[in-house]
Amino acid sequence: MVTIKDIAEKCNVSATTVSNILNGKAKASKKTRELVMQTVKVMGYQPNYIAQGLRNSRTRIIGIIAEDISQFTTPPQNH
């Protein structure tokens, strides 16, 4: 899994700079933004939504506690 730190090392910038660019904050030059975004694409970086949720105190995950999971079925498809 590629991290922001990996992207930062590859681009020779700080992890904060990469984070700012990915979050749309205009605190970097156009050249740096283009380099970071190209590196993100090439390296296949994907945000860690669980980590973001923990940072923001909002995971958008729903938990279900059930005694018998077979209770949860989907209705048949009508064609």
PDB file of N, CA and C in Angstrom:
ATOM      1  N   MET A   1       0.844  -1.184   0.000  1.00  0.00           N
ATOM      2  CA  MET A   1       0.000   0.000   0.000  1.00  0.00           C
ATOM      3  C   MET A   1       0.885   1.243   0.000  1.00  0.00           C
ATOM      4  N   VAL A   2       0.645   2.118  -0.935  1.00  0.00           N
ATOM      5  CA  VAL A   2       1.405   3.355  -1.074  1.00  0.00           C
ATOM      6  C   VAL A   2       0.866   4.381  -0.085  1.00  0.00           C
ATOM      7  N   THR A   3       1.758   5.063   0.617  1.00  0.00           N
ATOM      8  CA  THR A   3       1.349   6.068   1.595  1.00  0.00           C
ATOM      9  C   THR A   3       1.731   7.471   1.123  1.00  0.00           C
ATOM     10  N   ILE A   4       1.220   8.455   1.831  1.00  0.00           N
ATOM     11  CA  ILE A   4       1.579   9.848   1.543  1.00  0.00           C
ATOM     12  C   ILE A   4       3.080  10.038   1.713  1.00  0.00           C
ATOM     13  N   LYS A   5       3.668   9.360   2.701  1.00  0.00           N
ATOM     14  CA  LYS A   5       5.109   9.477   2.923  1.00  0.00           C
ATOM     15  C   LYS A   5       5.889   8.933   1.732  1.00  0.00           C
ATOM     16  N   ASP A   6       5.406   7.850   1.129  1.00  0.00           N
ATOM     17  CA  ASP A   6       6.065   7.294  -0.065  1.00  0.00           C
ATOM     18  C   ASP A   6       6.039   8.296  -1.215  1.00  0.00           C
ATOM     19  N   ILE A   7       4.889   8.920  -1.400  1.00  0.00           N
ATOM     20  CA  ILE A   7       4.748   9.932  -2.454  1.00  0.00           C
ATOM     21  C   ILE A   7       5.690  11.096  -2.180  1.00  0.00           C
ATOM     22  N   ALA A   8       5.741  11.543  -0.922  1.00  0.00           N
ATOM     23  CA  ALA A   8       6.591  12.668  -0.533  1.00  0.00           C
ATOM     24  C   ALA A   8       8.062  12.368  -0.807  1.00  0.00           C
ATOM     25  N   GLU A   9       8.502  11.157  -0.438  1.00  0.00           N
ATOM     26  CA  GLU A   9       9.906  10.788  -0.670  1.00  0.00           C
ATOM     27  C   GLU A   9      10.227  10.779  -2.166  1.00  0.00           C
ATOM     28  N   LYS A  10       9.327  10.215  -2.945  1.00  0.00           N
ATOM     29  CA  LYS A  10       9.541  10.123  -4.391  1.00  0.00           C
ATOM     30  C   LYS A  10       9.623  11.519  -5.027  1.00  0.00           C
ATOM     31  N   CYS A  11       8.830  12.457  -4.524  1.00  0.00           N
ATOM     32  CA  CYS A  11       8.788  13.816  -5.079  1.00  0.00           C
ATOM     33  C   CYS A  11       9.759  14.773  -4.394  1.00  0.00           C
ATOM     34  N   ASN A  12      10.430  14.282  -3.333  1.00  0.00           N
ATOM     35  CA  ASN A  12      11.358  15.107  -2.570  1.00  0.00           C
ATOM     36  C   ASN A  12      10.673  16.341  -1.964  1.00  0.00           C
ATOM     37  N   VAL A  13       9.481  16.108  -1.403  1.00  0.00           N
ATOM     38  CA  VAL A  13       8.734  17.146  -0.679  1.00  0.00           C
ATOM     39  C   VAL A  13       8.291  16.550   0.650  1.00  0.00           C
ATOM     40  N   SER A  14       7.685  17.365   1.492  1.00  0.00           N
ATOM     41  CA  SER A  14       7.220  16.860   2.781  1.00  0.00           C
ATOM     42  C   SER A  14       5.863  16.159   2.637  1.00  0.00           C
ATOM     43  N   ALA A  15       5.559  15.307   3.606  1.00  0.00           N
ATOM     44  CA  ALA A  15       4.257  14.642   3.630  1.00  0.00           C
ATOM     45  C   ALA A  15       3.143  15.676   3.780  1.00  0.00           C
ATOM     46  N   THR A  16       3.421  16.753   4.479  1.00  0.00           N
ATOM     47  CA  THR A  16       2.436  17.826   4.635  1.00  0.00           C
ATOM     48  C   THR A  16       2.113  18.458   3.283  1.00  0.00           C
ATOM     49  N   THR A  17       3.120  18.662   2.464  1.00  0.00           N
ATOM     50  CA  THR A  17       2.903  19.226   1.128  1.00  0.00           C
ATOM     51  C   THR A  17       2.018  18.305   0.301  1.00  0.00           C
ATOM     52  N   VAL A  18       2.304  17.003   0.341  1.00  0.00           N
ATOM     53  CA  VAL A  18       1.481  16.040  -0.395  1.00  0.00           C
ATOM     54  C   VAL A  18       0.052  16.073   0.120  1.00  0.00           C
ATOM     55  N   SER A  19      -0.111  16.082   1.425  1.00  0.00           N
ATOM     56  CA  SER A  19      -1.445  16.120   2.029  1.00  0.00           C
ATOM     57  C   SER A  19      -2.198  17.378   1.603  1.00  0.00           C
ATOM     58  N   ASN A  20      -1.530  18.515   1.637  1.00  0.00           N
ATOM     59  CA  ASN A  20      -2.168  19.770   1.224  1.00  0.00           C
ATOM     60  C   ASN A  20      -2.617  19.712  -0.227  1.00  0.00           C
ATOM     61  N   ILE A  21      -1.783  19.162  -1.074  1.00  0.00           N
ATOM     62  CA  ILE A  21      -2.125  19.062  -2.494  1.00  0.00           C
ATOM     63  C   ILE A  21      -3.320  18.132  -2.685  1.00  0.00           C
ATOM     64  N   LEU A  22      -3.299  16.978  -2.031  1.00  0.00           N
ATOM     65  CA  LEU A  22      -4.399  16.017  -2.168  1.00  0.00           C
ATOM     66  C   LEU A  22      -5.717  16.554  -1.618  1.00  0.00           C
ATOM     67  N   ASN A  23      -5.624  17.460  -0.639  1.00  0.00           N
ATOM     68  CA  ASN A  23      -6.827  18.034  -0.036  1.00  0.00           C
ATOM     69  C   ASN A  23      -7.220  19.368  -0.663  1.00  0.00           C
ATOM     70  N   GLY A  24      -6.546  19.743  -1.756  1.00  0.00           N
ATOM     71  CA  GLY A  24      -6.932  20.938  -2.504  1.00  0.00           C
ATOM     72  C   GLY A  24      -6.500  22.256  -1.910  1.00  0.00           C
ATOM     73  N   LYS A  25      -5.557  22.242  -0.990  1.00  0.00           N
ATOM     74  CA  LYS A  25      -5.066  23.491  -0.408  1.00  0.00           C
ATOM     75  C   LYS A  25      -3.975  24.051  -1.317  1.00  0.00           C
ATOM     76  N   ALA A  26      -4.103  25.303  -1.668  1.00  0.00           N
ATOM     77  CA  ALA A  26      -3.186  25.930  -2.625  1.00  0.00           C
ATOM     78  C   ALA A  26      -1.939  26.470  -1.927  1.00  0.00           C
ATOM     79  N   LYS A  27      -1.136  25.571  -1.376  1.00  0.00           N
ATOM     80  CA  LYS A  27       0.078  26.009  -0.692  1.00  0.00           C
ATOM     81  C   LYS A  27       1.330  25.492  -1.380  1.00  0.00           C
ATOM     82  N   ALA A  28       1.210  25.097  -2.632  1.00  0.00           N
ATOM     83  CA  ALA A  28       2.361  24.583  -3.368  1.00  0.00           C
ATOM     84  C   ALA A  28       2.341  25.164  -4.780  1.00  0.00           C
ATOM     85  N   SER A  29       3.501  25.176  -5.392  1.00  0.00           N
ATOM     86  CA  SER A  29       3.586  25.706  -6.756  1.00  0.00           C
ATOM     87  C   SER A  29       2.880  24.760  -7.724  1.00  0.00           C
ATOM     88  N   LYS A  30       2.564  25.295  -8.876  1.00  0.00           N
ATOM     89  CA  LYS A  30       1.897  24.497  -9.912  1.00  0.00           C
ATOM     90  C   LYS A  30       2.759  23.306 -10.311  1.00  0.00           C
ATOM     91  N   LYS A  31       4.056  23.540 -10.435  1.00  0.00           N
ATOM     92  CA  LYS A  31       4.995  22.484 -10.808  1.00  0.00           C
ATOM     93  C   LYS A  31       4.987  21.352  -9.767  1.00  0.00           C
ATOM     94  N   THR A  32       5.004  21.723  -8.489  1.00  0.00           N
ATOM     95  CA  THR A  32       4.984  20.716  -7.413  1.00  0.00           C
ATOM     96  C   THR A  32       3.672  19.960  -7.416  1.00  0.00           C
ATOM     97  N   ARG A  33       2.555  20.668  -7.588  1.00  0.00           N
ATOM     98  CA  ARG A  33       1.243  20.009  -7.640  1.00  0.00           C
ATOM     99  C   ARG A  33       1.189  18.990  -8.773  1.00  0.00           C
ATOM    100  N   GLU A  34       1.672  19.392  -9.945  1.00  0.00           N
ATOM    101  CA  GLU A  34       1.664  18.486 -11.092  1.00  0.00           C
ATOM    102  C   GLU A  34       2.540  17.258 -10.840  1.00  0.00           C
ATOM    103  N   LEU A  35       3.713  17.460 -10.243  1.00  0.00           N
ATOM    104  CA  LEU A  35       4.618  16.358  -9.935  1.00  0.00           C
ATOM    105  C   LEU A  35       3.965  15.386  -8.954  1.00  0.00           C
ATOM    106  N   VAL A  36       3.381  15.915  -7.899  1.00  0.00           N
ATOM    107  CA  VAL A  36       2.739  15.071  -6.888  1.00  0.00           C
ATOM    108  C   VAL A  36       1.563  14.309  -7.497  1.00  0.00           C
ATOM    109  N   MET A  37       0.715  14.982  -8.240  1.00  0.00           N
ATOM    110  CA  MET A  37      -0.456  14.313  -8.813  1.00  0.00           C
ATOM    111  C   MET A  37      -0.049  13.242  -9.827  1.00  0.00           C
ATOM    112  N   GLN A  38       0.985  13.489 -10.598  1.00  0.00           N
ATOM    113  CA  GLN A  38       1.484  12.485 -11.538  1.00  0.00           C
ATOM    114  C   GLN A  38       2.044  11.282 -10.772  1.00  0.00           C
ATOM    115  N   THR A  39       2.785  11.537  -9.704  1.00  0.00           N
ATOM    116  CA  THR A  39       3.352  10.460  -8.896  1.00  0.00           C
ATOM    117  C   THR A  39       2.252   9.652  -8.223  1.00  0.00           C
ATOM    118  N   VAL A  40       1.223  10.322  -7.741  1.00  0.00           N
ATOM    119  CA  VAL A  40       0.077   9.637  -7.142  1.00  0.00           C
ATOM    120  C   VAL A  40      -0.536   8.676  -8.151  1.00  0.00           C
ATOM    121  N   LYS A  41      -0.691   9.143  -9.367  1.00  0.00           N
ATOM    122  CA  LYS A  41      -1.284   8.319 -10.426  1.00  0.00           C
ATOM    123  C   LYS A  41      -0.391   7.128 -10.771  1.00  0.00           C
ATOM    124  N   VAL A  42       0.895   7.382 -10.956  1.00  0.00           N
ATOM    125  CA  VAL A  42       1.836   6.329 -11.347  1.00  0.00           C
ATOM    126  C   VAL A  42       1.974   5.271 -10.247  1.00  0.00           C
ATOM    127  N   MET A  43       2.052   5.725  -8.986  1.00  0.00           N
ATOM    128  CA  MET A  43       2.264   4.788  -7.871  1.00  0.00           C
ATOM    129  C   MET A  43       0.969   4.127  -7.411  1.00  0.00           C
ATOM    130  N   GLY A  44      -0.164   4.630  -7.882  1.00  0.00           N
ATOM    131  CA  GLY A  44      -1.445   4.020  -7.532  1.00  0.00           C
ATOM    132  C   GLY A  44      -1.899   4.302  -6.106  1.00  0.00           C
ATOM    133  N   TYR A  45      -1.600   5.493  -5.616  1.00  0.00           N
ATOM    134  CA  TYR A  45      -2.008   5.865  -4.258  1.00  0.00           C
ATOM    135  C   TYR A  45      -3.525   5.876  -4.122  1.00  0.00           C
ATOM    136  N   GLN A  46      -4.016   5.279  -3.044  1.00  0.00           N
ATOM    137  CA  GLN A  46      -5.434   5.312  -2.693  1.00  0.00           C
ATOM    138  C   GLN A  46      -5.548   5.802  -1.260  1.00  0.00           C
ATOM    139  N   PRO A  47      -6.415   6.759  -0.979  1.00  0.00           N
ATOM    140  CA  PRO A  47      -6.569   7.239   0.397  1.00  0.00           C
ATOM    141  C   PRO A  47      -7.038   6.121   1.317  1.00  0.00           C
ATOM    142  N   ASN A  48      -6.600   6.174   2.563  1.00  0.00           N
ATOM    143  CA  ASN A  48      -7.045   5.225   3.578  1.00  0.00           C
ATOM    144  C   ASN A  48      -8.249   5.854   4.270  1.00  0.00           C
ATOM    145  N   TYR A  49      -9.433   5.414   3.875  1.00  0.00           N
ATOM    146  CA  TYR A  49     -10.661   6.030   4.384  1.00  0.00           C
ATOM    147  C   TYR A  49     -10.878   5.762   5.867  1.00  0.00           C
ATOM    148  N   ILE A  50     -10.382   4.653   6.363  1.00  0.00           N
ATOM    149  CA  ILE A  50     -10.509   4.366   7.796  1.00  0.00           C
ATOM    150  C   ILE A  50      -9.661   5.353   8.591  1.00  0.00           C
ATOM    151  N   ALA A  51      -8.432   5.584   8.136  1.00  0.00           N
ATOM    152  CA  ALA A  51      -7.568   6.549   8.820  1.00  0.00           C
ATOM    153  C   ALA A  51      -8.164   7.952   8.763  1.00  0.00           C
ATOM    154  N   GLN A  52      -8.722   8.316   7.616  1.00  0.00           N
ATOM    155  CA  GLN A  52      -9.358   9.632   7.502  1.00  0.00           C
ATOM    156  C   GLN A  52     -10.537   9.750   8.464  1.00  0.00           C
ATOM    157  N   GLY A  53     -11.309   8.689   8.570  1.00  0.00           N
ATOM    158  CA  GLY A  53     -12.451   8.695   9.473  1.00  0.00           C
ATOM    159  C   GLY A  53     -12.040   8.831  10.920  1.00  0.00           C
ATOM    160  N   LEU A  54     -10.961   8.147  11.295  1.00  0.00           N
ATOM    161  CA  LEU A  54     -10.477   8.263  12.668  1.00  0.00           C
ATOM    162  C   LEU A  54      -9.989   9.678  12.955  1.00  0.00           C
ATOM    163  N   ARG A  55      -9.310  10.285  11.980  1.00  0.00           N
ATOM    164  CA  ARG A  55      -8.815  11.649  12.155  1.00  0.00           C
ATOM    165  C   ARG A  55      -9.975  12.638  12.281  1.00  0.00           C
ATOM    166  N   ASN A  56     -11.023  12.410  11.499  1.00  0.00           N
ATOM    167  CA  ASN A  56     -12.161  13.326  11.479  1.00  0.00           C
ATOM    168  C   ASN A  56     -13.247  12.943  12.479  1.00  0.00           C
ATOM    169  N   SER A  57     -13.059  11.841  13.184  1.00  0.00           N
ATOM    170  CA  SER A  57     -14.070  11.305  14.112  1.00  0.00           C
ATOM    171  C   SER A  57     -15.389  11.028  13.397  1.00  0.00           C
ATOM    172  N   ARG A  58     -15.277  10.574  12.151  1.00  0.00           N
ATOM    173  CA  ARG A  58     -16.470  10.289  11.353  1.00  0.00           C
ATOM    174  C   ARG A  58     -16.122   9.233  10.307  1.00  0.00           C
ATOM    175  N   THR A  59     -16.426   7.976  10.609  1.00  0.00           N
ATOM    176  CA  THR A  59     -16.000   6.888   9.736  1.00  0.00           C
ATOM    177  C   THR A  59     -17.016   6.537   8.657  1.00  0.00           C
ATOM    178  N   ARG A  60     -18.269   6.911   8.832  1.00  0.00           N
ATOM    179  CA  ARG A  60     -19.341   6.576   7.888  1.00  0.00           C
ATOM    180  C   ARG A  60     -19.516   5.065   7.728  1.00  0.00           C
ATOM    181  N   ILE A  61     -19.232   4.337   8.817  1.00  0.00           N
ATOM    182  CA  ILE A  61     -19.388   2.884   8.835  1.00  0.00           C
ATOM    183  C   ILE A  61     -20.549   2.553   9.758  1.00  0.00           C
ATOM    184  N   ILE A  62     -21.388   1.630   9.309  1.00  0.00           N
ATOM    185  CA  ILE A  62     -22.527   1.197  10.110  1.00  0.00           C
ATOM    186  C   ILE A  62     -22.244  -0.214  10.600  1.00  0.00           C
ATOM    187  N   GLY A  63     -22.446  -0.449  11.867  1.00  0.00           N
ATOM    188  CA  GLY A  63     -22.286  -1.779  12.438  1.00  0.00           C
ATOM    189  C   GLY A  63     -23.646  -2.375  12.761  1.00  0.00           C
ATOM    190  N   ILE A  64     -23.774  -3.666  12.521  1.00  0.00           N
ATOM    191  CA  ILE A  64     -25.020  -4.363  12.824  1.00  0.00           C
ATOM    192  C   ILE A  64     -24.693  -5.533  13.733  1.00  0.00           C
ATOM    193  N   ILE A  65     -25.422  -5.631  14.818  1.00  0.00           N
ATOM    194  CA  ILE A  65     -25.276  -6.767  15.726  1.00  0.00           C
ATOM    195  C   ILE A  65     -26.526  -7.617  15.574  1.00  0.00           C
ATOM    196  N   ALA A  66     -26.332  -8.866  15.193  1.00  0.00           N
ATOM    197  CA  ALA A  66     -27.472  -9.752  14.966  1.00  0.00           C
ATOM    198  C   ALA A  66     -27.171 -11.132  15.546  1.00  0.00           C
ATOM    199  N   GLU A  67     -28.173 -11.724  16.110  1.00  0.00           N
ATOM    200  CA  GLU A  67     -28.018 -13.071  16.660  1.00  0.00           C
ATOM    201  C   GLU A  67     -27.905 -14.092  15.529  1.00  0.00           C
ATOM    202  N   ASP A  68     -28.663 -13.867  14.453  1.00  0.00           N
ATOM    203  CA  ASP A  68     -28.679 -14.813  13.345  1.00  0.00           C
ATOM    204  C   ASP A  68     -28.585 -14.031  12.036  1.00  0.00           C
ATOM    205  N   ILE A  69     -27.459 -14.144  11.368  1.00  0.00           N
ATOM    206  CA  ILE A  69     -27.224 -13.362  10.145  1.00  0.00           C
ATOM    207  C   ILE A  69     -28.177 -13.758   9.024  1.00  0.00           C
ATOM    208  N   SER A  70     -28.764 -14.940   9.080  1.00  0.00           N
ATOM    209  CA  SER A  70     -29.677 -15.371   8.018  1.00  0.00           C
ATOM    210  C   SER A  70     -30.957 -14.535   7.997  1.00  0.00           C
ATOM    211  N   GLN A  71     -31.182 -13.732   9.028  1.00  0.00           N
ATOM    212  CA  GLN A  71     -32.340 -12.831   9.049  1.00  0.00           C
ATOM    213  C   GLN A  71     -32.210 -11.750   7.967  1.00  0.00           C
ATOM    214  N   PHE A  72     -30.983 -11.440   7.605  1.00  0.00           N
ATOM    215  CA  PHE A  72     -30.738 -10.361   6.668  1.00  0.00           C
ATOM    216  C   PHE A  72     -30.571 -10.909   5.266  1.00  0.00           C
ATOM    217  N   THR A  73     -31.681 -10.921   4.535  1.00  0.00           N
ATOM    218  CA  THR A  73     -31.653 -11.390   3.160  1.00  0.00           C
ATOM    219  C   THR A  73     -32.120 -10.269   2.255  1.00  0.00           C
ATOM    220  N   THR A  74     -31.863 -10.420   0.999  1.00  0.00           N
ATOM    221  CA  THR A  74     -32.319  -9.416   0.027  1.00  0.00           C
ATOM    222  C   THR A  74     -33.572  -9.929  -0.649  1.00  0.00           C
ATOM    223  N   PRO A  75     -34.468  -9.040  -0.994  1.00  0.00           N
ATOM    224  CA  PRO A  75     -35.698  -9.488  -1.673  1.00  0.00           C
ATOM    225  C   PRO A  75     -35.371 -10.025  -3.068  1.00  0.00           C
ATOM    226  N   PRO A  76     -36.183 -10.910  -3.568  1.00  0.00           N
ATOM    227  CA  PRO A  76     -35.934 -11.461  -4.916  1.00  0.00           C
ATOM    228  C   PRO A  76     -36.043 -10.362  -5.962  1.00  0.00           C
ATOM    229  N   GLN A  77     -35.272 -10.516  -7.014  1.00  0.00           N
ATOM    230  CA  GLN A  77     -35.267  -9.544  -8.107  1.00  0.00           C
ATOM    231  C   GLN A  77     -36.488  -9.770  -9.001  1.00  0.00           C
ATOM    232  N   ASN A  78     -37.247  -8.743  -9.263  1.00  0.00           N
ATOM    233  CA  ASN A  78     -38.374  -8.818 -10.201  1.00  0.00           C
ATOM    234  C   ASN A  78     -37.895  -8.368 -11.562  1.00  0.00           C
ATOM    235  N   HIS A  79     -38.118  -9.176 -12.556  1.00  0.00           N
ATOM    236  CA  HIS A  79     -37.667  -8.826 -13.909  1.00  0.00           C
ATOM    237  C   HIS A  79     -38.775  -8.355 -14.743  1.00  0.00           C
TER     238      HIS A  79
END
